[in-house]
Amino acid sequence: VQTCITVGLVWGLAVWFCHFIPVGNIWPLLFLVIIGSLAFAGLGTLLGLLFKQVIPAAIVGMLIAIIGWWFGGVIWTDIWPGAMQGIIAALPTTYLIRPFTRAALLGLYNTYWFDIAILLGFGIITGILAFLLLRKRFTA
């Protein structure tokens, strides 16, 4: 919910102050925001369970987000050296940023469903791991 509110506020400010209007249909972008939020919820839960304190978990979460956003798409991934391409492909944020920027800025949807599938897979894996760790904590 917090992510959707934040995205809405940032989008509103971008439209208001920068006159930014996303190219094409807005529904795929909104769907991507929801899938991305759900996909990274498992990671946030895992960090909370592993650190057991809000501030260390939040700091690690922010570092992961900054690194993921920086290498995964804030700068077009094509400019990074070839050795970085494997690392970039392993970052789940790549599969959130790439389709979002391509759809919003260029109206391109050529990797959209592949990226959604990767995000869903990441979310399922981290969600299951978080569930197992949470269950282990309560049964121990």
C-alpha atoms as a PDB file:
ATOM      1  CA  VAL A   1       0.000   0.000   0.000  1.00  0.00           C
ATOM      2  CA  GLN A   2       2.808   2.394   0.926  1.00  0.00           C
ATOM      3  CA  THR A   3       4.560   1.743  -2.392  1.00  0.00           C
ATOM      4  CA  CYS A   4       1.398   2.421  -4.392  1.00  0.00           C
ATOM      5  CA  ILE A   5       0.817   5.677  -2.492  1.00  0.00           C
ATOM      6  CA  THR A   6       4.433   6.740  -3.047  1.00  0.00           C
ATOM      7  CA  VAL A   7       4.276   5.930  -6.759  1.00  0.00           C
ATOM      8  CA  GLY A   8       1.004   7.858  -7.021  1.00  0.00           C
ATOM      9  CA  LEU A   9       2.502  10.912  -5.322  1.00  0.00           C
ATOM     10  CA  VAL A  10       5.678  10.818  -7.420  1.00  0.00           C
ATOM     11  CA  TRP A  11       3.642  10.377 -10.603  1.00  0.00           C
ATOM     12  CA  GLY A  12       1.378  13.230  -9.612  1.00  0.00           C
ATOM     13  CA  LEU A  13       4.351  15.504  -8.954  1.00  0.00           C
ATOM     14  CA  ALA A  14       5.976  14.489 -12.257  1.00  0.00           C
ATOM     15  CA  VAL A  15       2.781  15.332 -14.137  1.00  0.00           C
ATOM     16  CA  TRP A  16       2.203  18.571 -12.259  1.00  0.00           C
ATOM     17  CA  PHE A  17       5.708  20.027 -12.187  1.00  0.00           C
ATOM     18  CA  CYS A  18       7.399  18.380 -15.178  1.00  0.00           C
ATOM     19  CA  HIS A  19       4.341  17.890 -17.408  1.00  0.00           C
ATOM     20  CA  PHE A  20       5.321  14.213 -17.769  1.00  0.00           C
ATOM     21  CA  ILE A  21       2.634  12.065 -19.339  1.00  0.00           C
ATOM     22  CA  PRO A  22       3.494   8.364 -19.724  1.00  0.00           C
ATOM     23  CA  VAL A  23       3.356   7.092 -23.299  1.00  0.00           C
ATOM     24  CA  GLY A  24       0.571   4.659 -24.124  1.00  0.00           C
ATOM     25  CA  ASN A  25      -1.775   2.903 -21.733  1.00  0.00           C
ATOM     26  CA  ILE A  26      -1.334   3.530 -18.003  1.00  0.00           C
ATOM     27  CA  TRP A  27      -2.869   0.194 -16.892  1.00  0.00           C
ATOM     28  CA  PRO A  28       0.206  -1.950 -17.687  1.00  0.00           C
ATOM     29  CA  LEU A  29       2.297   0.490 -15.634  1.00  0.00           C
ATOM     30  CA  LEU A  30      -0.072   0.281 -12.670  1.00  0.00           C
ATOM     31  CA  PHE A  31      -0.118  -3.510 -12.938  1.00  0.00           C
ATOM     32  CA  LEU A  32       3.694  -3.489 -12.926  1.00  0.00           C
ATOM     33  CA  VAL A  33       3.752  -1.341  -9.769  1.00  0.00           C
ATOM     34  CA  ILE A  34       1.434  -3.794  -7.997  1.00  0.00           C
ATOM     35  CA  ILE A  35       3.421  -6.863  -9.126  1.00  0.00           C
ATOM     36  CA  GLY A  36       6.689  -5.154  -8.158  1.00  0.00           C
ATOM     37  CA  SER A  37       5.318  -4.262  -4.724  1.00  0.00           C
ATOM     38  CA  LEU A  38       4.229  -7.821  -4.106  1.00  0.00           C
ATOM     39  CA  ALA A  39       7.493  -9.237  -5.456  1.00  0.00           C
ATOM     40  CA  PHE A  40       9.644  -7.188  -3.089  1.00  0.00           C
ATOM     41  CA  ALA A  41       7.390  -7.672  -0.058  1.00  0.00           C
ATOM     42  CA  GLY A  42       8.950 -11.094   0.487  1.00  0.00           C
ATOM     43  CA  LEU A  43      12.433  -9.595   0.493  1.00  0.00           C
ATOM     44  CA  GLY A  44      11.376  -6.968   3.032  1.00  0.00           C
ATOM     45  CA  THR A  45       9.851  -9.652   5.231  1.00  0.00           C
ATOM     46  CA  LEU A  46      13.015 -11.743   5.005  1.00  0.00           C
ATOM     47  CA  LEU A  47      15.176  -8.775   6.017  1.00  0.00           C
ATOM     48  CA  GLY A  48      12.902  -8.032   8.961  1.00  0.00           C
ATOM     49  CA  LEU A  49      13.005 -11.649  10.114  1.00  0.00           C
ATOM     50  CA  LEU A  50      16.770 -11.935   9.726  1.00  0.00           C
ATOM     51  CA  PHE A  51      17.691  -8.671  11.481  1.00  0.00           C
ATOM     52  CA  LYS A  52      14.866  -8.663  14.056  1.00  0.00           C
ATOM     53  CA  GLN A  53      15.221  -4.880  14.353  1.00  0.00           C
ATOM     54  CA  VAL A  54      13.699  -2.170  12.204  1.00  0.00           C
ATOM     55  CA  ILE A  55      16.685   0.129  11.668  1.00  0.00           C
ATOM     56  CA  PRO A  56      19.266  -2.483  10.510  1.00  0.00           C
ATOM     57  CA  ALA A  57      16.663  -4.154   8.277  1.00  0.00           C
ATOM     58  CA  ALA A  58      15.643  -0.787   6.802  1.00  0.00           C
ATOM     59  CA  ILE A  59      19.268   0.210   6.148  1.00  0.00           C
ATOM     60  CA  VAL A  60      20.044  -3.058   4.378  1.00  0.00           C
ATOM     61  CA  GLY A  61      16.786  -2.781   2.449  1.00  0.00           C
ATOM     62  CA  MET A  62      17.681   0.750   1.339  1.00  0.00           C
ATOM     63  CA  LEU A  63      21.178  -0.336   0.281  1.00  0.00           C
ATOM     64  CA  ILE A  64      19.715  -3.196  -1.753  1.00  0.00           C
ATOM     65  CA  ALA A  65      17.212  -0.806  -3.331  1.00  0.00           C
ATOM     66  CA  ILE A  66      19.836   1.822  -4.188  1.00  0.00           C
ATOM     67  CA  ILE A  67      22.221  -0.724  -5.704  1.00  0.00           C
ATOM     68  CA  GLY A  68      19.369  -2.413  -7.541  1.00  0.00           C
ATOM     69  CA  TRP A  69      17.972   0.836  -8.916  1.00  0.00           C
ATOM     70  CA  TRP A  70      21.388   2.161  -9.901  1.00  0.00           C
ATOM     71  CA  PHE A  71      22.654  -0.915 -11.718  1.00  0.00           C
ATOM     72  CA  GLY A  72      19.276  -2.323 -12.678  1.00  0.00           C
ATOM     73  CA  GLY A  73      17.992   0.508 -14.746  1.00  0.00           C
ATOM     74  CA  VAL A  74      18.280   4.084 -13.531  1.00  0.00           C
ATOM     75  CA  ILE A  75      21.169   4.279 -15.947  1.00  0.00           C
ATOM     76  CA  TRP A  76      20.402   2.318 -19.100  1.00  0.00           C
ATOM     77  CA  THR A  77      21.930  -1.106 -18.623  1.00  0.00           C
ATOM     78  CA  ASP A  78      23.399  -1.065 -22.129  1.00  0.00           C
ATOM     79  CA  ILE A  79      26.108   1.400 -21.085  1.00  0.00           C
ATOM     80  CA  TRP A  80      27.616  -0.891 -18.441  1.00  0.00           C
ATOM     81  CA  PRO A  81      30.610  -3.023 -19.495  1.00  0.00           C
ATOM     82  CA  GLY A  82      29.958  -6.564 -20.684  1.00  0.00           C
ATOM     83  CA  ALA A  83      31.240  -8.003 -17.400  1.00  0.00           C
ATOM     84  CA  MET A  84      28.453  -6.158 -15.562  1.00  0.00           C
ATOM     85  CA  GLN A  85      25.670  -7.493 -17.785  1.00  0.00           C
ATOM     86  CA  GLY A  86      25.470 -10.807 -15.892  1.00  0.00           C
ATOM     87  CA  ILE A  87      25.222  -8.980 -12.563  1.00  0.00           C
ATOM     88  CA  ILE A  88      22.569  -6.651 -13.942  1.00  0.00           C
ATOM     89  CA  ALA A  89      20.570  -9.621 -15.247  1.00  0.00           C
ATOM     90  CA  ALA A  90      20.680 -11.182 -11.757  1.00  0.00           C
ATOM     91  CA  LEU A  91      19.196  -8.114 -10.034  1.00  0.00           C
ATOM     92  CA  PRO A  92      15.422  -8.388  -9.632  1.00  0.00           C
ATOM     93  CA  THR A  93      15.098  -4.604  -9.817  1.00  0.00           C
ATOM     94  CA  THR A  94      16.179  -4.823 -13.455  1.00  0.00           C
ATOM     95  CA  TYR A  95      12.905  -6.588 -14.220  1.00  0.00           C
ATOM     96  CA  LEU A  96      10.901  -3.837 -12.559  1.00  0.00           C
ATOM     97  CA  ILE A  97      12.732  -0.804 -13.913  1.00  0.00           C
ATOM     98  CA  ARG A  98      13.313  -2.006 -17.487  1.00  0.00           C
ATOM     99  CA  PRO A  99       9.681  -2.595 -18.434  1.00  0.00           C
ATOM    100  CA  PHE A 100       8.524   0.489 -16.548  1.00  0.00           C
ATOM    101  CA  THR A 101      10.922   2.888 -18.263  1.00  0.00           C
ATOM    102  CA  ARG A 102      10.459   1.297 -21.684  1.00  0.00           C
ATOM    103  CA  ALA A 103       6.678   1.424 -21.399  1.00  0.00           C
ATOM    104  CA  ALA A 104       6.379   4.871 -19.784  1.00  0.00           C
ATOM    105  CA  LEU A 105       9.002   6.654 -21.865  1.00  0.00           C
ATOM    106  CA  LEU A 106       9.040   4.789 -25.164  1.00  0.00           C
ATOM    107  CA  GLY A 107       5.768   2.863 -25.333  1.00  0.00           C
ATOM    108  CA  LEU A 108       7.709  -0.407 -25.739  1.00  0.00           C
ATOM    109  CA  TYR A 109       6.364  -3.633 -24.261  1.00  0.00           C
ATOM    110  CA  ASN A 110       8.719  -6.150 -25.893  1.00  0.00           C
ATOM    111  CA  THR A 111      10.024  -7.613 -22.581  1.00  0.00           C
ATOM    112  CA  TYR A 112       6.995  -6.741 -20.430  1.00  0.00           C
ATOM    113  CA  TRP A 113       5.563 -10.229 -19.791  1.00  0.00           C
ATOM    114  CA  PHE A 114       9.002 -11.817 -19.414  1.00  0.00           C
ATOM    115  CA  ASP A 115       9.861  -9.189 -16.799  1.00  0.00           C
ATOM    116  CA  ILE A 116       6.534  -9.777 -15.005  1.00  0.00           C
ATOM    117  CA  ALA A 117       7.305 -13.515 -14.912  1.00  0.00           C
ATOM    118  CA  ILE A 118      10.757 -12.884 -13.401  1.00  0.00           C
ATOM    119  CA  LEU A 119       9.263 -10.563 -10.772  1.00  0.00           C
ATOM    120  CA  LEU A 120       6.575 -13.097  -9.907  1.00  0.00           C
ATOM    121  CA  GLY A 121       9.190 -15.843  -9.620  1.00  0.00           C
ATOM    122  CA  PHE A 122      11.341 -13.680  -7.351  1.00  0.00           C
ATOM    123  CA  GLY A 123       8.311 -12.784  -5.246  1.00  0.00           C
ATOM    124  CA  ILE A 124       7.230 -16.402  -4.914  1.00  0.00           C
ATOM    125  CA  ILE A 125      10.712 -17.545  -3.894  1.00  0.00           C
ATOM    126  CA  THR A 126      11.261 -14.779  -1.328  1.00  0.00           C
ATOM    127  CA  GLY A 127       7.684 -15.127  -0.091  1.00  0.00           C
ATOM    128  CA  ILE A 128       8.077 -18.872   0.477  1.00  0.00           C
ATOM    129  CA  LEU A 129      11.433 -18.357   2.205  1.00  0.00           C
ATOM    130  CA  ALA A 130       9.927 -15.668   4.430  1.00  0.00           C
ATOM    131  CA  PHE A 131       6.961 -17.914   5.255  1.00  0.00           C
ATOM    132  CA  LEU A 132       9.239 -20.839   6.141  1.00  0.00           C
ATOM    133  CA  LEU A 133      11.474 -18.658   8.305  1.00  0.00           C
ATOM    134  CA  LEU A 134       8.475 -17.086  10.036  1.00  0.00           C
ATOM    135  CA  ARG A 135       6.935 -20.497  10.672  1.00  0.00           C
ATOM    136  CA  LYS A 136      10.258 -21.783  12.025  1.00  0.00           C
ATOM    137  CA  ARG A 137      10.450 -18.825  14.442  1.00  0.00           C
ATOM    138  CA  PHE A 138       6.957 -19.464  15.778  1.00  0.00           C
ATOM    139  CA  THR A 139       7.383 -23.231  16.144  1.00  0.00           C
ATOM    140  CA  ALA A 140      10.849 -23.099  17.717  1.00  0.00           C
END
